[in-house]
Amino acid sequence: MFRRKVMRVSKDEGLSLLALTHLGTAVSEIGRNALRYGLNAQATITVGTYDGRRAIEVDIFDEGPGIANIEAAMVDGFSTKKSMGKGLGGARRLVDTFSIETTPTGTRVVMIQFIRNARA
């Protein structure tokens, strides 16, 4: 759901194929987590300028129970749900900027991918 939307925007903005694949994969992982474990999961996609560079920002948030130990959850192999435990750390490595905030009332992940091959 979120991935299709970000892929469409990324293609329209001329994101390189590699960057498009990285952002799409990161959004798919974070979006799946938000939909599976959170409530009222939503995503906003914004094209703008960040640090003086053209970029796509994806903000995924939910009203779920939050992540109890964010530091542990960012380490590959950590999972509370019997998964491979590579989602958060993997998503962080795939995008240019990654931030996560979590509380007992929800989680927000903001990812930014710079547009290096933007059309003039």
PDB file of N, CA and C in Angstrom:
ATOM      1  N   MET A   1       0.825  -1.185   0.000  1.00  0.00           N
ATOM      2  CA  MET A   1       0.000   0.000   0.000  1.00  0.00           C
ATOM      3  C   MET A   1       0.875   1.257   0.000  1.00  0.00           C
ATOM      4  N   PHE A   2       1.739   1.412   1.003  1.00  0.00           N
ATOM      5  CA  PHE A   2       2.601   2.578   1.074  1.00  0.00           C
ATOM      6  C   PHE A   2       3.676   2.521  -0.006  1.00  0.00           C
ATOM      7  N   ARG A   3       4.172   1.323  -0.280  1.00  0.00           N
ATOM      8  CA  ARG A   3       5.237   1.147  -1.264  1.00  0.00           C
ATOM      9  C   ARG A   3       4.802   1.617  -2.646  1.00  0.00           C
ATOM     10  N   ARG A   4       3.617   1.230  -3.079  1.00  0.00           N
ATOM     11  CA  ARG A   4       3.150   1.629  -4.419  1.00  0.00           C
ATOM     12  C   ARG A   4       3.108   3.139  -4.567  1.00  0.00           C
ATOM     13  N   LYS A   5       2.636   3.793  -3.529  1.00  0.00           N
ATOM     14  CA  LYS A   5       2.525   5.254  -3.563  1.00  0.00           C
ATOM     15  C   LYS A   5       3.915   5.902  -3.655  1.00  0.00           C
ATOM     16  N   VAL A   6       4.855   5.437  -2.848  1.00  0.00           N
ATOM     17  CA  VAL A   6       6.187   6.029  -2.870  1.00  0.00           C
ATOM     18  C   VAL A   6       6.914   5.693  -4.172  1.00  0.00           C
ATOM     19  N   MET A   7       6.685   4.530  -4.730  1.00  0.00           N
ATOM     20  CA  MET A   7       7.307   4.169  -6.003  1.00  0.00           C
ATOM     21  C   MET A   7       6.813   5.083  -7.122  1.00  0.00           C
ATOM     22  N   ARG A   8       5.530   5.375  -7.128  1.00  0.00           N
ATOM     23  CA  ARG A   8       4.961   6.263  -8.145  1.00  0.00           C
ATOM     24  C   ARG A   8       5.585   7.659  -8.051  1.00  0.00           C
ATOM     25  N   VAL A   9       5.649   8.204  -6.844  1.00  0.00           N
ATOM     26  CA  VAL A   9       6.227   9.527  -6.639  1.00  0.00           C
ATOM     27  C   VAL A   9       7.706   9.515  -7.012  1.00  0.00           C
ATOM     28  N   SER A  10       8.423   8.486  -6.601  1.00  0.00           N
ATOM     29  CA  SER A  10       9.855   8.390  -6.881  1.00  0.00           C
ATOM     30  C   SER A  10      10.137   8.356  -8.373  1.00  0.00           C
ATOM     31  N   LYS A  11       9.345   7.601  -9.117  1.00  0.00           N
ATOM     32  CA  LYS A  11       9.514   7.542 -10.572  1.00  0.00           C
ATOM     33  C   LYS A  11       9.226   8.903 -11.188  1.00  0.00           C
ATOM     34  N   ASP A  12       8.157   9.547 -10.746  1.00  0.00           N
ATOM     35  CA  ASP A  12       7.799  10.863 -11.266  1.00  0.00           C
ATOM     36  C   ASP A  12       8.893  11.899 -11.016  1.00  0.00           C
ATOM     37  N   GLU A  13       9.615  11.745  -9.923  1.00  0.00           N
ATOM     38  CA  GLU A  13      10.681  12.686  -9.569  1.00  0.00           C
ATOM     39  C   GLU A  13      12.027  12.320 -10.191  1.00  0.00           C
ATOM     40  N   GLY A  14      12.096  11.210 -10.894  1.00  0.00           N
ATOM     41  CA  GLY A  14      13.320  10.824 -11.573  1.00  0.00           C
ATOM     42  C   GLY A  14      14.365  10.195 -10.676  1.00  0.00           C
ATOM     43  N   LEU A  15      13.952   9.579  -9.589  1.00  0.00           N
ATOM     44  CA  LEU A  15      14.887   8.903  -8.694  1.00  0.00           C
ATOM     45  C   LEU A  15      15.566   7.769  -9.468  1.00  0.00           C
ATOM     46  N   SER A  16      16.845   7.568  -9.248  1.00  0.00           N
ATOM     47  CA  SER A  16      17.564   6.490  -9.939  1.00  0.00           C
ATOM     48  C   SER A  16      16.927   5.145  -9.578  1.00  0.00           C
ATOM     49  N   LEU A  17      17.140   4.164 -10.426  1.00  0.00           N
ATOM     50  CA  LEU A  17      16.565   2.844 -10.200  1.00  0.00           C
ATOM     51  C   LEU A  17      17.062   2.240  -8.882  1.00  0.00           C
ATOM     52  N   LEU A  18      18.345   2.392  -8.593  1.00  0.00           N
ATOM     53  CA  LEU A  18      18.890   1.855  -7.355  1.00  0.00           C
ATOM     54  C   LEU A  18      18.275   2.546  -6.136  1.00  0.00           C
ATOM     55  N   ALA A  19      18.230   3.868  -6.147  1.00  0.00           N
ATOM     56  CA  ALA A  19      17.652   4.610  -5.024  1.00  0.00           C
ATOM     57  C   ALA A  19      16.160   4.314  -4.890  1.00  0.00           C
ATOM     58  N   LEU A  20      15.476   4.165  -6.010  1.00  0.00           N
ATOM     59  CA  LEU A  20      14.050   3.831  -5.995  1.00  0.00           C
ATOM     60  C   LEU A  20      13.837   2.461  -5.346  1.00  0.00           C
ATOM     61  N   THR A  21      14.671   1.509  -5.674  1.00  0.00           N
ATOM     62  CA  THR A  21      14.573   0.165  -5.095  1.00  0.00           C
ATOM     63  C   THR A  21      14.865   0.200  -3.600  1.00  0.00           C
ATOM     64  N   HIS A  22      15.891   0.940  -3.209  1.00  0.00           N
ATOM     65  CA  HIS A  22      16.224   1.043  -1.784  1.00  0.00           C
ATOM     66  C   HIS A  22      15.083   1.680  -0.998  1.00  0.00           C
ATOM     67  N   LEU A  23      14.580   2.811  -1.482  1.00  0.00           N
ATOM     68  CA  LEU A  23      13.495   3.497  -0.773  1.00  0.00           C
ATOM     69  C   LEU A  23      12.246   2.628  -0.738  1.00  0.00           C
ATOM     70  N   GLY A  24      11.909   1.996  -1.846  1.00  0.00           N
ATOM     71  CA  GLY A  24      10.730   1.130  -1.887  1.00  0.00           C
ATOM     72  C   GLY A  24      10.820  -0.025  -0.907  1.00  0.00           C
ATOM     73  N   THR A  25      11.998  -0.616  -0.794  1.00  0.00           N
ATOM     74  CA  THR A  25      12.193  -1.727   0.134  1.00  0.00           C
ATOM     75  C   THR A  25      12.078  -1.247   1.577  1.00  0.00           C
ATOM     76  N   ALA A  26      12.697  -0.115   1.892  1.00  0.00           N
ATOM     77  CA  ALA A  26      12.622   0.435   3.253  1.00  0.00           C
ATOM     78  C   ALA A  26      11.185   0.782   3.622  1.00  0.00           C
ATOM     79  N   VAL A  27      10.470   1.406   2.712  1.00  0.00           N
ATOM     80  CA  VAL A  27       9.074   1.779   2.969  1.00  0.00           C
ATOM     81  C   VAL A  27       8.211   0.536   3.134  1.00  0.00           C
ATOM     82  N   SER A  28       8.467  -0.481   2.335  1.00  0.00           N
ATOM     83  CA  SER A  28       7.712  -1.724   2.446  1.00  0.00           C
ATOM     84  C   SER A  28       7.882  -2.338   3.832  1.00  0.00           C
ATOM     85  N   GLU A  29       9.110  -2.387   4.322  1.00  0.00           N
ATOM     86  CA  GLU A  29       9.384  -2.983   5.630  1.00  0.00           C
ATOM     87  C   GLU A  29       8.759  -2.164   6.760  1.00  0.00           C
ATOM     88  N   ILE A  30       8.992  -0.880   6.770  1.00  0.00           N
ATOM     89  CA  ILE A  30       8.458  -0.034   7.839  1.00  0.00           C
ATOM     90  C   ILE A  30       6.933   0.039   7.757  1.00  0.00           C
ATOM     91  N   GLY A  31       6.407   0.147   6.565  1.00  0.00           N
ATOM     92  CA  GLY A  31       4.954   0.177   6.389  1.00  0.00           C
ATOM     93  C   GLY A  31       4.284  -1.107   6.848  1.00  0.00           C
ATOM     94  N   ARG A  32       4.890  -2.239   6.530  1.00  0.00           N
ATOM     95  CA  ARG A  32       4.348  -3.531   6.961  1.00  0.00           C
ATOM     96  C   ARG A  32       4.314  -3.611   8.489  1.00  0.00           C
ATOM     97  N   ASN A  33       5.392  -3.162   9.136  1.00  0.00           N
ATOM     98  CA  ASN A  33       5.417  -3.157  10.595  1.00  0.00           C
ATOM     99  C   ASN A  33       4.321  -2.261  11.166  1.00  0.00           C
ATOM    100  N   ALA A  34       4.157  -1.077  10.597  1.00  0.00           N
ATOM    101  CA  ALA A  34       3.141  -0.138  11.087  1.00  0.00           C
ATOM    102  C   ALA A  34       1.740  -0.716  10.926  1.00  0.00           C
ATOM    103  N   LEU A  35       1.492  -1.359   9.799  1.00  0.00           N
ATOM    104  CA  LEU A  35       0.172  -1.950   9.562  1.00  0.00           C
ATOM    105  C   LEU A  35      -0.064  -3.180  10.434  1.00  0.00           C
ATOM    106  N   ARG A  36       0.970  -3.965  10.668  1.00  0.00           N
ATOM    107  CA  ARG A  36       0.840  -5.204  11.426  1.00  0.00           C
ATOM    108  C   ARG A  36       0.752  -4.963  12.935  1.00  0.00           C
ATOM    109  N   TYR A  37       1.594  -4.084  13.461  1.00  0.00           N
ATOM    110  CA  TYR A  37       1.704  -3.936  14.910  1.00  0.00           C
ATOM    111  C   TYR A  37       1.072  -2.669  15.463  1.00  0.00           C
ATOM    112  N   GLY A  38       0.787  -1.717  14.612  1.00  0.00           N
ATOM    113  CA  GLY A  38       0.223  -0.449  15.069  1.00  0.00           C
ATOM    114  C   GLY A  38      -1.244  -0.329  14.732  1.00  0.00           C
ATOM    115  N   LEU A  39      -1.824   0.746  15.152  1.00  0.00           N
ATOM    116  CA  LEU A  39      -3.209   1.080  14.834  1.00  0.00           C
ATOM    117  C   LEU A  39      -3.201   2.361  14.013  1.00  0.00           C
ATOM    118  N   ASN A  40      -4.160   2.469  13.092  1.00  0.00           N
ATOM    119  CA  ASN A  40      -4.302   3.690  12.290  1.00  0.00           C
ATOM    120  C   ASN A  40      -3.002   4.083  11.591  1.00  0.00           C
ATOM    121  N   ALA A  41      -2.319   3.125  11.012  1.00  0.00           N
ATOM    122  CA  ALA A  41      -1.072   3.399  10.315  1.00  0.00           C
ATOM    123  C   ALA A  41      -1.316   4.306   9.120  1.00  0.00           C
ATOM    124  N   GLN A  42      -0.444   5.294   8.968  1.00  0.00           N
ATOM    125  CA  GLN A  42      -0.553   6.248   7.874  1.00  0.00           C
ATOM    126  C   GLN A  42       0.836   6.585   7.362  1.00  0.00           C
ATOM    127  N   ALA A  43       0.883   7.096   6.144  1.00  0.00           N
ATOM    128  CA  ALA A  43       2.151   7.535   5.567  1.00  0.00           C
ATOM    129  C   ALA A  43       1.924   8.823   4.798  1.00  0.00           C
ATOM    130  N   THR A  44       2.871   9.726   4.905  1.00  0.00           N
ATOM    131  CA  THR A  44       2.864  10.922   4.068  1.00  0.00           C
ATOM    132  C   THR A  44       4.155  10.933   3.267  1.00  0.00           C
ATOM    133  N   ILE A  45       4.050  11.360   2.032  1.00  0.00           N
ATOM    134  CA  ILE A  45       5.199  11.443   1.142  1.00  0.00           C
ATOM    135  C   ILE A  45       5.310  12.889   0.689  1.00  0.00           C
ATOM    136  N   THR A  46       6.493  13.469   0.887  1.00  0.00           N
ATOM    137  CA  THR A  46       6.713  14.864   0.538  1.00  0.00           C
ATOM    138  C   THR A  46       7.957  14.976  -0.315  1.00  0.00           C
ATOM    139  N   VAL A  47       7.869  15.736  -1.379  1.00  0.00           N
ATOM    140  CA  VAL A  47       9.034  16.041  -2.199  1.00  0.00           C
ATOM    141  C   VAL A  47       9.425  17.468  -1.863  1.00  0.00           C
ATOM    142  N   GLY A  48      10.684  17.665  -1.522  1.00  0.00           N
ATOM    143  CA  GLY A  48      11.122  19.001  -1.141  1.00  0.00           C
ATOM    144  C   GLY A  48      12.625  19.097  -1.109  1.00  0.00           C
ATOM    145  N   THR A  49      13.097  20.118  -0.424  1.00  0.00           N
ATOM    146  CA  THR A  49      14.524  20.353  -0.293  1.00  0.00           C
ATOM    147  C   THR A  49      14.921  20.149   1.160  1.00  0.00           C
ATOM    148  N   TYR A  50      15.913  19.323   1.384  1.00  0.00           N
ATOM    149  CA  TYR A  50      16.433  19.020   2.707  1.00  0.00           C
ATOM    150  C   TYR A  50      17.948  19.215   2.667  1.00  0.00           C
ATOM    151  N   ASP A  51      18.467  20.007   3.563  1.00  0.00           N
ATOM    152  CA  ASP A  51      19.897  20.318   3.574  1.00  0.00           C
ATOM    153  C   ASP A  51      20.366  20.814   2.215  1.00  0.00           C
ATOM    154  N   GLY A  52      19.513  21.584   1.550  1.00  0.00           N
ATOM    155  CA  GLY A  52      19.871  22.166   0.269  1.00  0.00           C
ATOM    156  C   GLY A  52      19.841  21.218  -0.905  1.00  0.00           C
ATOM    157  N   ARG A  53      19.307  20.010  -0.708  1.00  0.00           N
ATOM    158  CA  ARG A  53      19.252  19.010  -1.778  1.00  0.00           C
ATOM    159  C   ARG A  53      17.818  18.538  -1.979  1.00  0.00           C
ATOM    160  N   ARG A  54      17.468  18.274  -3.202  1.00  0.00           N
ATOM    161  CA  ARG A  54      16.139  17.762  -3.535  1.00  0.00           C
ATOM    162  C   ARG A  54      16.014  16.343  -2.985  1.00  0.00           C
ATOM    163  N   ALA A  55      14.863  16.038  -2.378  1.00  0.00           N
ATOM    164  CA  ALA A  55      14.708  14.737  -1.732  1.00  0.00           C
ATOM    165  C   ALA A  55      13.241  14.346  -1.618  1.00  0.00           C
ATOM    166  N   ILE A  56      13.044  13.077  -1.368  1.00  0.00           N
ATOM    167  CA  ILE A  56      11.720  12.524  -1.067  1.00  0.00           C
ATOM    168  C   ILE A  56      11.735  12.141   0.405  1.00  0.00           C
ATOM    169  N   GLU A  57      10.758  12.627   1.146  1.00  0.00           N
ATOM    170  CA  GLU A  57      10.626  12.287   2.567  1.00  0.00           C
ATOM    171  C   GLU A  57       9.392  11.420   2.747  1.00  0.00           C
ATOM    172  N   VAL A  58       9.561  10.318   3.445  1.00  0.00           N
ATOM    173  CA  VAL A  58       8.449   9.426   3.756  1.00  0.00           C
ATOM    174  C   VAL A  58       8.318   9.364   5.276  1.00  0.00           C
ATOM    175  N   ASP A  59       7.136   9.707   5.765  1.00  0.00           N
ATOM    176  CA  ASP A  59       6.841   9.731   7.197  1.00  0.00           C
ATOM    177  C   ASP A  59       5.758   8.679   7.444  1.00  0.00           C
ATOM    178  N   ILE A  60       6.119   7.619   8.153  1.00  0.00           N
ATOM    179  CA  ILE A  60       5.173   6.534   8.459  1.00  0.00           C
ATOM    180  C   ILE A  60       4.950   6.532   9.962  1.00  0.00           C
ATOM    181  N   PHE A  61       3.690   6.567  10.360  1.00  0.00           N
ATOM    182  CA  PHE A  61       3.384   6.626  11.785  1.00  0.00           C
ATOM    183  C   PHE A  61       2.159   5.797  12.109  1.00  0.00           C
ATOM    184  N   ASP A  62       2.087   5.390  13.363  1.00  0.00           N
ATOM    185  CA  ASP A  62       0.948   4.606  13.815  1.00  0.00           C
ATOM    186  C   ASP A  62       0.631   4.956  15.262  1.00  0.00           C
ATOM    187  N   GLU A  63      -0.472   4.438  15.734  1.00  0.00           N
ATOM    188  CA  GLU A  63      -0.910   4.660  17.110  1.00  0.00           C
ATOM    189  C   GLU A  63      -0.874   3.350  17.888  1.00  0.00           C
ATOM    190  N   GLY A  64       0.163   2.578  17.656  1.00  0.00           N
ATOM    191  CA  GLY A  64       0.310   1.291  18.327  1.00  0.00           C
ATOM    192  C   GLY A  64       0.980   1.418  19.677  1.00  0.00           C
ATOM    193  N   PRO A  65       1.404   0.294  20.238  1.00  0.00           N
ATOM    194  CA  PRO A  65       1.972   0.279  21.585  1.00  0.00           C
ATOM    195  C   PRO A  65       3.416   0.772  21.663  1.00  0.00           C
ATOM    196  N   GLY A  66       4.023   1.096  20.542  1.00  0.00           N
ATOM    197  CA  GLY A  66       5.412   1.529  20.548  1.00  0.00           C
ATOM    198  C   GLY A  66       6.364   0.354  20.600  1.00  0.00           C
ATOM    199  N   ILE A  67       7.631   0.657  20.557  1.00  0.00           N
ATOM    200  CA  ILE A  67       8.684  -0.362  20.591  1.00  0.00           C
ATOM    201  C   ILE A  67       9.360  -0.244  21.949  1.00  0.00           C
ATOM    202  N   ALA A  68       9.315  -1.309  22.725  1.00  0.00           N
ATOM    203  CA  ALA A  68       9.797  -1.271  24.106  1.00  0.00           C
ATOM    204  C   ALA A  68      11.284  -0.940  24.206  1.00  0.00           C
ATOM    205  N   ASN A  69      12.115  -1.537  23.359  1.00  0.00           N
ATOM    206  CA  ASN A  69      13.553  -1.316  23.425  1.00  0.00           C
ATOM    207  C   ASN A  69      14.059  -0.986  22.028  1.00  0.00           C
ATOM    208  N   ILE A  70      14.039   0.281  21.685  1.00  0.00           N
ATOM    209  CA  ILE A  70      14.381   0.703  20.330  1.00  0.00           C
ATOM    210  C   ILE A  70      15.828   0.374  19.971  1.00  0.00           C
ATOM    211  N   GLU A  71      16.743   0.506  20.926  1.00  0.00           N
ATOM    212  CA  GLU A  71      18.148   0.199  20.640  1.00  0.00           C
ATOM    213  C   GLU A  71      18.308  -1.273  20.240  1.00  0.00           C
ATOM    214  N   ALA A  72      17.679  -2.154  20.976  1.00  0.00           N
ATOM    215  CA  ALA A  72      17.752  -3.586  20.656  1.00  0.00           C
ATOM    216  C   ALA A  72      17.052  -3.878  19.333  1.00  0.00           C
ATOM    217  N   ALA A  73      15.931  -3.229  19.088  1.00  0.00           N
ATOM    218  CA  ALA A  73      15.165  -3.468  17.862  1.00  0.00           C
ATOM    219  C   ALA A  73      15.923  -3.049  16.609  1.00  0.00           C
ATOM    220  N   MET A  74      16.870  -2.125  16.732  1.00  0.00           N
ATOM    221  CA  MET A  74      17.652  -1.663  15.582  1.00  0.00           C
ATOM    222  C   MET A  74      18.804  -2.612  15.247  1.00  0.00           C
ATOM    223  N   VAL A  75      19.082  -3.570  16.114  1.00  0.00           N
ATOM    224  CA  VAL A  75      20.171  -4.522  15.892  1.00  0.00           C
ATOM    225  C   VAL A  75      19.663  -5.706  15.074  1.00  0.00           C
ATOM    226  N   ASP A  76      20.389  -6.028  14.001  1.00  0.00           N
ATOM    227  CA  ASP A  76      20.000  -7.169  13.175  1.00  0.00           C
ATOM    228  C   ASP A  76      19.913  -8.432  14.024  1.00  0.00           C
ATOM    229  N   GLY A  77      18.842  -9.184  13.808  1.00  0.00           N
ATOM    230  CA  GLY A  77      18.643 -10.444  14.517  1.00  0.00           C
ATOM    231  C   GLY A  77      17.716 -10.328  15.712  1.00  0.00           C
ATOM    232  N   PHE A  78      17.444  -9.105  16.182  1.00  0.00           N
ATOM    233  CA  PHE A  78      16.546  -8.931  17.324  1.00  0.00           C
ATOM    234  C   PHE A  78      15.104  -8.962  16.836  1.00  0.00           C
ATOM    235  N   SER A  79      14.272  -9.758  17.486  1.00  0.00           N
ATOM    236  CA  SER A  79      12.863  -9.826  17.128  1.00  0.00           C
ATOM    237  C   SER A  79      12.048 -10.244  18.339  1.00  0.00           C
ATOM    238  N   THR A  80      10.917  -9.606  18.513  1.00  0.00           N
ATOM    239  CA  THR A  80       9.989 -10.030  19.557  1.00  0.00           C
ATOM    240  C   THR A  80       8.858 -10.853  18.960  1.00  0.00           C
ATOM    241  N   LYS A  81       8.806 -10.960  17.637  1.00  0.00           N
ATOM    242  CA  LYS A  81       7.708 -11.651  16.951  1.00  0.00           C
ATOM    243  C   LYS A  81       8.168 -12.837  16.115  1.00  0.00           C
ATOM    244  N   LYS A  82       9.332 -13.384  16.430  1.00  0.00           N
ATOM    245  CA  LYS A  82       9.855 -14.564  15.723  1.00  0.00           C
ATOM    246  C   LYS A  82      10.081 -14.323  14.231  1.00  0.00           C
ATOM    247  N   SER A  83      10.504 -13.112  13.888  1.00  0.00           N
ATOM    248  CA  SER A  83      10.870 -12.811  12.509  1.00  0.00           C
ATOM    249  C   SER A  83      12.397 -12.843  12.408  1.00  0.00           C
ATOM    250  N   MET A  84      12.924 -12.513  11.241  1.00  0.00           N
ATOM    251  CA  MET A  84      14.372 -12.512  11.057  1.00  0.00           C
ATOM    252  C   MET A  84      15.030 -11.354  11.812  1.00  0.00           C
ATOM    253  N   GLY A  85      14.275 -10.324  12.131  1.00  0.00           N
ATOM    254  CA  GLY A  85      14.817  -9.210  12.895  1.00  0.00           C
ATOM    255  C   GLY A  85      15.789  -8.335  12.131  1.00  0.00           C
ATOM    256  N   LYS A  86      15.517  -8.126  10.853  1.00  0.00           N
ATOM    257  CA  LYS A  86      16.402  -7.294  10.040  1.00  0.00           C
ATOM    258  C   LYS A  86      15.698  -6.046   9.527  1.00  0.00           C
ATOM    259  N   GLY A  87      14.437  -5.873   9.839  1.00  0.00           N
ATOM    260  CA  GLY A  87      13.631  -4.805   9.258  1.00  0.00           C
ATOM    261  C   GLY A  87      14.062  -3.393   9.565  1.00  0.00           C
ATOM    262  N   LEU A  88      14.136  -3.029  10.836  1.00  0.00           N
ATOM    263  CA  LEU A  88      14.459  -1.647  11.184  1.00  0.00           C
ATOM    264  C   LEU A  88      15.889  -1.286  10.795  1.00  0.00           C
ATOM    265  N   GLY A  89      16.829  -2.127  11.158  1.00  0.00           N
ATOM    266  CA  GLY A  89      18.220  -1.863  10.811  1.00  0.00           C
ATOM    267  C   GLY A  89      18.442  -1.866   9.308  1.00  0.00           C
ATOM    268  N   GLY A  90      17.810  -2.782   8.626  1.00  0.00           N
ATOM    269  CA  GLY A  90      17.922  -2.849   7.169  1.00  0.00           C
ATOM    270  C   GLY A  90      17.350  -1.617   6.503  1.00  0.00           C
ATOM    271  N   ALA A  91      16.185  -1.174   6.952  1.00  0.00           N
ATOM    272  CA  ALA A  91      15.571   0.037   6.395  1.00  0.00           C
ATOM    273  C   ALA A  91      16.482   1.234   6.623  1.00  0.00           C
ATOM    274  N   ARG A  92      17.065   1.320   7.800  1.00  0.00           N
ATOM    275  CA  ARG A  92      17.963   2.438   8.119  1.00  0.00           C
ATOM    276  C   ARG A  92      19.141   2.473   7.145  1.00  0.00           C
ATOM    277  N   ARG A  93      19.675   1.317   6.792  1.00  0.00           N
ATOM    278  CA  ARG A  93      20.827   1.270   5.888  1.00  0.00           C
ATOM    279  C   ARG A  93      20.464   1.598   4.442  1.00  0.00           C
ATOM    280  N   LEU A  94      19.215   1.450   4.070  1.00  0.00           N
ATOM    281  CA  LEU A  94      18.812   1.629   2.671  1.00  0.00           C
ATOM    282  C   LEU A  94      18.538   3.071   2.263  1.00  0.00           C
ATOM    283  N   VAL A  95      18.310   3.953   3.214  1.00  0.00           N
ATOM    284  CA  VAL A  95      17.957   5.335   2.885  1.00  0.00           C
ATOM    285  C   VAL A  95      19.040   6.290   3.363  1.00  0.00           C
ATOM    286  N   ASP A  96      18.990   7.516   2.862  1.00  0.00           N
ATOM    287  CA  ASP A  96      20.004   8.503   3.229  1.00  0.00           C
ATOM    288  C   ASP A  96      19.853   8.991   4.660  1.00  0.00           C
ATOM    289  N   THR A  97      18.634   9.189   5.099  1.00  0.00           N
ATOM    290  CA  THR A  97      18.369   9.671   6.457  1.00  0.00           C
ATOM    291  C   THR A  97      17.238   8.853   7.048  1.00  0.00           C
ATOM    292  N   PHE A  98      17.398   8.436   8.292  1.00  0.00           N
ATOM    293  CA  PHE A  98      16.408   7.589   8.962  1.00  0.00           C
ATOM    294  C   PHE A  98      16.298   8.050  10.406  1.00  0.00           C
ATOM    295  N   SER A  99      15.087   8.325  10.850  1.00  0.00           N
ATOM    296  CA  SER A  99      14.887   8.642  12.268  1.00  0.00           C
ATOM    297  C   SER A  99      13.646   7.899  12.755  1.00  0.00           C
ATOM    298  N   ILE A 100      13.682   7.524  14.018  1.00  0.00           N
ATOM    299  CA  ILE A 100      12.555   6.800  14.605  1.00  0.00           C
ATOM    300  C   ILE A 100      12.287   7.357  15.994  1.00  0.00           C
ATOM    301  N   GLU A 101      11.022   7.567  16.275  1.00  0.00           N
ATOM    302  CA  GLU A 101      10.571   7.985  17.596  1.00  0.00           C
ATOM    303  C   GLU A 101       9.470   7.026  18.004  1.00  0.00           C
ATOM    304  N   THR A 102       9.531   6.559  19.227  1.00  0.00           N
ATOM    305  CA  THR A 102       8.508   5.627  19.687  1.00  0.00           C
ATOM    306  C   THR A 102       8.128   5.946  21.127  1.00  0.00           C
ATOM    307  N   THR A 103       6.846   5.837  21.391  1.00  0.00           N
ATOM    308  CA  THR A 103       6.297   6.037  22.732  1.00  0.00           C
ATOM    309  C   THR A 103       5.261   4.945  22.952  1.00  0.00           C
ATOM    310  N   PRO A 104       4.730   4.813  24.145  1.00  0.00           N
ATOM    311  CA  PRO A 104       3.676   3.816  24.373  1.00  0.00           C
ATOM    312  C   PRO A 104       2.385   4.096  23.599  1.00  0.00           C
ATOM    313  N   THR A 105       2.317   5.242  22.910  1.00  0.00           N
ATOM    314  CA  THR A 105       1.111   5.556  22.137  1.00  0.00           C
ATOM    315  C   THR A 105       1.356   5.603  20.636  1.00  0.00           C
ATOM    316  N   GLY A 106       2.535   5.191  20.203  1.00  0.00           N
ATOM    317  CA  GLY A 106       2.768   5.154  18.769  1.00  0.00           C
ATOM    318  C   GLY A 106       4.221   5.259  18.372  1.00  0.00           C
ATOM    319  N   THR A 107       4.447   5.023  17.084  1.00  0.00           N
ATOM    320  CA  THR A 107       5.791   5.062  16.513  1.00  0.00           C
ATOM    321  C   THR A 107       5.763   5.877  15.232  1.00  0.00           C
ATOM    322  N   ARG A 108       6.814   6.649  15.017  1.00  0.00           N
ATOM    323  CA  ARG A 108       6.971   7.446  13.793  1.00  0.00           C
ATOM    324  C   ARG A 108       8.362   7.179  13.236  1.00  0.00           C
ATOM    325  N   VAL A 109       8.406   6.851  11.952  1.00  0.00           N
ATOM    326  CA  VAL A 109       9.668   6.673  11.240  1.00  0.00           C
ATOM    327  C   VAL A 109       9.674   7.649  10.081  1.00  0.00           C
ATOM    328  N   VAL A 110      10.745   8.429   9.990  1.00  0.00           N
ATOM    329  CA  VAL A 110      10.901   9.371   8.883  1.00  0.00           C
ATOM    330  C   VAL A 110      12.145   8.965   8.105  1.00  0.00           C
ATOM    331  N   MET A 111      11.953   8.763   6.800  1.00  0.00           N
ATOM    332  CA  MET A 111      13.054   8.374   5.927  1.00  0.00           C
ATOM    333  C   MET A 111      13.182   9.405   4.813  1.00  0.00           C
ATOM    334  N   ILE A 112      14.409   9.772   4.494  1.00  0.00           N
ATOM    335  CA  ILE A 112      14.661  10.717   3.408  1.00  0.00           C
ATOM    336  C   ILE A 112      15.624  10.077   2.426  1.00  0.00           C
ATOM    337  N   GLN A 113      15.260  10.186   1.147  1.00  0.00           N
ATOM    338  CA  GLN A 113      16.120   9.700   0.067  1.00  0.00           C
ATOM    339  C   GLN A 113      16.406  10.895  -0.844  1.00  0.00           C
ATOM    340  N   PHE A 114      17.683  11.246  -0.987  1.00  0.00           N
ATOM    341  CA  PHE A 114      18.043  12.366  -1.842  1.00  0.00           C
ATOM    342  C   PHE A 114      17.908  11.968  -3.303  1.00  0.00           C
ATOM    343  N   ILE A 115      17.481  12.920  -4.122  1.00  0.00           N
ATOM    344  CA  ILE A 115      17.285  12.683  -5.552  1.00  0.00           C
ATOM    345  C   ILE A 115      18.561  13.123  -6.259  1.00  0.00           C
ATOM    346  N   ARG A 116      19.379  12.167  -6.606  1.00  0.00           N
ATOM    347  CA  ARG A 116      20.664  12.468  -7.226  1.00  0.00           C
ATOM    348  C   ARG A 116      20.551  12.612  -8.734  1.00  0.00           C
ATOM    349  N   ASN A 117      19.602  11.931  -9.319  1.00  0.00           N
ATOM    350  CA  ASN A 117      19.442  11.970 -10.767  1.00  0.00           C
ATOM    351  C   ASN A 117      18.162  12.683 -11.168  1.00  0.00           C
ATOM    352  N   ALA A 118      17.855  13.765 -10.480  1.00  0.00           N
ATOM    353  CA  ALA A 118      16.605  14.478 -10.761  1.00  0.00           C
ATOM    354  C   ALA A 118      16.651  15.105 -12.138  1.00  0.00           C
ATOM    355  N   ARG A 119      15.500  15.146 -12.764  1.00  0.00           N
ATOM    356  CA  ARG A 119      15.370  15.825 -14.047  1.00  0.00           C
ATOM    357  C   ARG A 119      15.496  17.321 -13.821  1.00  0.00           C
ATOM    358  N   ALA A 120      15.984  18.022 -14.827  1.00  0.00           N
ATOM    359  CA  ALA A 120      16.128  19.487 -14.718  1.00  0.00           C
ATOM    360  C   ALA A 120      14.792  20.167 -14.745  1.00  0.00           C
TER     361      ALA A 120
END
